[in-house]
Amino acid sequence: MNKLIYAIFALFTIQNSLQSQTVEPSAAIPKNILQIEIESAYSIQKVGSEKTTSWSIPNTLFRYGLFNGFELQINIPIIKEQLWENDHLTQSLNKLGDLQFGFSVDLWKEKKLLPEASIMVRALLPTDHKFVFENTGSIVSLNFANKISEKLTLNYNIGHVQQSDNASSYFYIANISYLMTSKLHFFIENFGDFHHKKIMSHNLNIGGGYN
């Protein structure tokens, strides 16, 4: 490989493809480049007297450009979950989430209103019980991007998830990213998933990333 790893335990992205915590890139990285993205997300869900917190510590995504326009992907999520009742901690769990192995293929480049596009396919391999082939899941996603200006980019994904427990849903992600400097970007993002025309969850995320 001409170039291998820029560094470890930091977020490294190409300047024109800075991404947020959930939206997937619309273009593969260059051939013979290994890119490591480390992301951490914290969420709180509260229903009545019960509160559940989830923290990825972190998710690590390995992206390798096998050919121009084709990359291999491995995603390794490490998750800390806590359950609270009446402000008392009742359960705490550190776990390795479903491993994701797959690839992304460029479909076409951006041309005027036509967005840049790629298709991403990943297999979900469960880690919380004895592995059998029938328990695998999958993610299929179409990933798009429109460059609004030199600093502003619209990124959006639509796709389908088949979980390792056979639960399935469709999802969408829409993200507007602002490139403040060559290394620093901020974003606002909307994510939702639905099943049989019923919205299962709906989230608005605000955050940033450092290159």
Protein backbone atom coordinates (compact mmCIF):
# COMPACT_ATOMS: atom_id res chain seq x y z
CA MET A 1 0.00 0.00 0.00
CA ASN A 2 1.31 3.44 -0.91
CA LYS A 3 -0.35 4.99 2.13
CA LEU A 4 -1.48 3.02 5.16
CA ILE A 5 -2.70 4.66 8.36
CA TYR A 6 -2.53 8.39 9.04
CA ALA A 7 -2.94 7.81 12.78
CA ILE A 8 -4.79 5.64 15.28
CA PHE A 9 -7.52 6.61 17.74
CA ALA A 10 -8.60 9.78 15.93
CA LEU A 11 -11.16 10.62 13.27
CA PHE A 12 -9.59 10.88 9.82
CA THR A 13 -11.59 11.87 6.76
CA ILE A 14 -10.97 13.40 3.36
CA GLN A 15 -11.66 17.11 3.42
CA ASN A 16 -14.58 16.92 1.01
CA SER A 17 -16.27 13.99 2.75
CA LEU A 18 -16.48 14.98 6.42
CA GLN A 19 -19.34 13.05 7.97
CA SER A 20 -21.35 13.01 11.16
CA GLN A 21 -22.00 10.23 13.62
CA THR A 22 -24.69 8.39 11.65
CA VAL A 23 -24.87 9.47 8.01
CA GLU A 24 -22.79 7.29 5.67
CA PRO A 25 -20.50 8.79 2.97
CA SER A 26 -21.64 8.98 -0.65
CA ALA A 27 -18.22 8.11 -2.11
CA ALA A 28 -15.56 5.49 -1.44
CA ILE A 29 -12.12 6.50 -0.23
CA PRO A 30 -9.21 6.33 -2.75
CA LYS A 31 -7.49 3.08 -3.66
CA ASN A 32 -4.88 1.78 -1.18
CA ILE A 33 -5.98 4.11 1.62
CA LEU A 34 -6.89 2.71 5.03
CA GLN A 35 -9.04 5.14 7.00
CA ILE A 36 -10.02 4.73 10.65
CA GLU A 37 -13.04 6.61 11.99
CA ILE A 38 -13.72 6.60 15.72
CA GLU A 39 -17.12 7.93 16.77
CA SER A 40 -18.86 8.21 20.13
CA ALA A 41 -22.57 8.92 20.65
CA TYR A 42 -24.52 9.34 23.89
CA SER A 43 -28.31 8.99 24.06
CA ILE A 44 -30.95 9.20 26.80
CA GLN A 45 -34.44 7.67 26.63
CA LYS A 46 -36.89 8.38 29.43
CA VAL A 47 -40.34 6.84 29.92
CA GLY A 48 -42.09 7.60 33.21
CA SER A 49 -39.78 6.78 36.10
CA GLU A 50 -37.46 4.68 33.89
CA LYS A 51 -34.45 6.10 32.08
CA THR A 52 -32.10 4.26 29.73
CA THR A 53 -28.74 5.68 28.69
CA SER A 54 -26.57 4.33 25.88
CA TRP A 55 -23.02 5.38 25.12
CA SER A 56 -20.84 4.06 22.31
CA ILE A 57 -17.28 3.95 23.70
CA PRO A 58 -16.60 4.06 20.79
CA ASN A 59 -17.75 2.80 17.41
CA THR A 60 -14.69 2.13 15.24
CA LEU A 61 -15.10 2.01 11.46
CA PHE A 62 -12.29 0.71 9.24
CA ARG A 63 -12.55 1.73 5.56
CA TYR A 64 -10.09 0.44 2.94
CA GLY A 65 -10.07 1.49 -0.72
CA LEU A 66 -9.62 -1.81 -2.54
CA PHE A 67 -10.21 -0.23 -5.97
CA ASN A 68 -11.12 3.24 -7.14
CA GLY A 69 -14.81 3.58 -6.32
CA PHE A 70 -14.91 0.42 -4.15
CA GLU A 71 -14.11 0.14 -0.46
CA LEU A 72 -14.25 -2.57 2.19
CA GLN A 73 -15.74 -1.75 5.62
CA ILE A 74 -15.57 -3.20 9.13
CA ASN A 75 -17.51 -1.55 11.97
CA ILE A 76 -16.86 -2.58 15.60
CA PRO A 77 -19.28 -1.04 18.15
CA ILE A 78 -18.57 -1.07 21.90
CA ILE A 79 -21.59 0.03 23.94
CA LYS A 80 -22.23 0.92 27.58
CA GLU A 81 -25.89 0.77 28.65
CA GLN A 82 -27.42 1.79 31.98
CA LEU A 83 -30.98 1.45 33.28
CA TRP A 84 -32.25 3.87 35.93
CA GLU A 85 -35.47 3.70 37.98
CA ASN A 86 -36.46 6.72 40.08
CA ASP A 87 -32.93 8.08 39.62
CA HIS A 88 -31.37 4.88 40.99
CA LEU A 89 -29.05 2.79 38.83
CA THR A 90 -30.50 -0.72 38.56
CA GLN A 91 -28.47 -2.22 35.73
CA SER A 92 -25.20 -1.45 33.95
CA LEU A 93 -23.87 -3.37 30.97
CA ASN A 94 -20.81 -3.11 28.75
CA LYS A 95 -21.15 -5.06 25.54
CA LEU A 96 -19.84 -5.57 22.05
CA GLY A 97 -22.59 -4.81 19.54
CA ASP A 98 -23.23 -6.64 16.28
CA LEU A 99 -20.11 -6.59 14.10
CA GLN A 100 -20.62 -5.14 10.63
CA PHE A 101 -18.68 -6.36 7.58
CA GLY A 102 -19.36 -5.05 4.10
CA PHE A 103 -18.50 -2.76 1.21
CA SER A 104 -19.49 0.44 -0.55
CA VAL A 105 -19.55 1.01 -4.32
CA ASP A 106 -19.73 4.38 -6.06
CA LEU A 107 -22.68 4.68 -8.45
CA TRP A 108 -22.13 8.09 -10.05
CA LYS A 109 -20.64 11.53 -9.43
CA GLU A 110 -22.58 14.70 -8.68
CA LYS A 111 -23.79 16.60 -11.74
CA LYS A 112 -25.83 19.77 -11.19
CA LEU A 113 -28.93 18.65 -9.23
CA LEU A 114 -28.03 14.96 -9.57
CA PRO A 115 -26.43 13.98 -6.23
CA GLU A 116 -23.26 11.99 -5.77
CA ALA A 117 -24.33 8.43 -4.91
CA SER A 118 -23.09 5.10 -3.62
CA ILE A 119 -24.61 1.84 -2.41
CA MET A 120 -23.49 0.28 0.87
CA VAL A 121 -24.06 -3.33 1.92
CA ARG A 122 -23.05 -4.76 5.31
CA ALA A 123 -23.63 -8.08 7.09
CA LEU A 124 -24.50 -7.95 10.82
CA LEU A 125 -22.82 -10.67 12.87
CA PRO A 126 -24.23 -11.09 16.41
CA THR A 127 -21.85 -11.24 19.36
CA ASP A 128 -24.28 -11.71 22.26
CA HIS A 129 -25.04 -15.39 21.70
CA LYS A 130 -23.61 -18.44 19.99
CA PHE A 131 -23.11 -17.58 16.35
CA VAL A 132 -25.15 -19.43 13.73
CA PHE A 133 -25.66 -18.31 10.15
CA GLU A 134 -29.42 -17.94 10.60
CA ASN A 135 -28.87 -15.17 13.15
CA THR A 136 -27.01 -12.82 10.81
CA GLY A 137 -28.59 -9.55 9.70
CA SER A 138 -27.91 -6.99 7.00
CA ILE A 139 -27.88 -3.28 6.15
CA VAL A 140 -28.46 -1.98 2.63
CA SER A 141 -28.25 1.75 2.09
CA LEU A 142 -28.28 4.25 -0.77
CA ASN A 143 -26.07 7.19 0.19
CA PHE A 144 -26.32 10.60 -1.49
CA ALA A 145 -24.66 14.02 -1.22
CA ASN A 146 -25.16 17.45 -2.79
CA LYS A 147 -22.50 20.13 -2.39
CA ILE A 148 -24.43 23.36 -1.76
CA SER A 149 -21.33 25.55 -1.45
CA GLU A 150 -17.63 25.25 -0.61
CA LYS A 151 -18.48 24.88 3.08
CA LEU A 152 -22.03 23.50 3.09
CA THR A 153 -22.99 19.93 2.12
CA LEU A 154 -26.30 18.06 2.19
CA ASN A 155 -25.86 14.33 2.94
CA TYR A 156 -28.72 11.83 3.04
CA ASN A 157 -29.21 8.04 3.25
CA ILE A 158 -32.19 5.74 2.75
CA GLY A 159 -32.03 2.06 3.50
CA HIS A 160 -33.21 -1.13 5.15
CA VAL A 161 -31.96 -2.98 8.25
CA GLN A 162 -32.58 -6.65 8.99
CA GLN A 163 -31.46 -7.20 12.58
CA SER A 164 -29.85 -10.41 13.79
CA ASP A 165 -33.05 -11.13 15.78
CA ASN A 166 -35.07 -10.90 12.49
CA ALA A 167 -36.58 -7.51 13.36
CA SER A 168 -36.51 -5.25 10.31
CA SER A 169 -37.10 -1.59 9.55
CA TYR A 170 -36.46 1.08 6.96
CA PHE A 171 -34.58 4.27 7.78
CA TYR A 172 -33.70 7.70 6.48
CA ILE A 173 -30.98 10.14 7.51
CA ALA A 174 -30.72 13.76 6.37
CA ASN A 175 -27.68 15.80 7.35
CA ILE A 176 -26.44 19.32 6.67
CA SER A 177 -22.73 19.71 7.40
CA TYR A 178 -20.86 23.01 7.64
CA LEU A 179 -17.08 22.97 7.14
CA MET A 180 -15.76 25.68 9.46
CA THR A 181 -12.08 24.89 8.74
CA SER A 182 -10.23 22.14 6.87
CA LYS A 183 -10.27 20.11 10.11
CA LEU A 184 -13.44 21.18 11.94
CA HIS A 185 -17.08 20.72 10.89
CA PHE A 186 -20.49 21.03 12.50
CA PHE A 187 -23.75 19.35 11.53
CA ILE A 188 -27.45 19.12 12.17
CA GLU A 189 -29.05 15.79 11.36
CA ASN A 190 -32.46 14.15 11.33
CA PHE A 191 -32.82 10.37 11.65
CA GLY A 192 -35.91 8.19 11.62
CA ASP A 193 -36.84 4.56 11.15
CA PHE A 194 -40.21 3.05 10.30
CA HIS A 195 -41.90 -0.31 9.79
CA HIS A 196 -45.09 -0.92 7.78
CA LYS A 197 -45.61 2.84 7.38
CA LYS A 198 -45.36 3.37 11.16
CA ILE A 199 -42.60 5.58 12.52
CA MET A 200 -40.69 3.68 15.21
CA SER A 201 -38.33 6.47 16.24
CA HIS A 202 -37.48 10.00 15.23
CA ASN A 203 -34.37 11.88 16.35
CA LEU A 204 -32.70 15.24 15.78
CA ASN A 205 -28.92 15.30 16.28
CA ILE A 206 -26.58 18.28 16.55
CA GLY A 207 -22.83 17.86 16.79
CA GLY A 208 -19.42 18.23 15.24
CA GLY A 209 -16.28 16.43 14.21
CA TYR A 210 -12.53 17.03 14.10
CA ASN A 211 -10.32 15.82 11.28
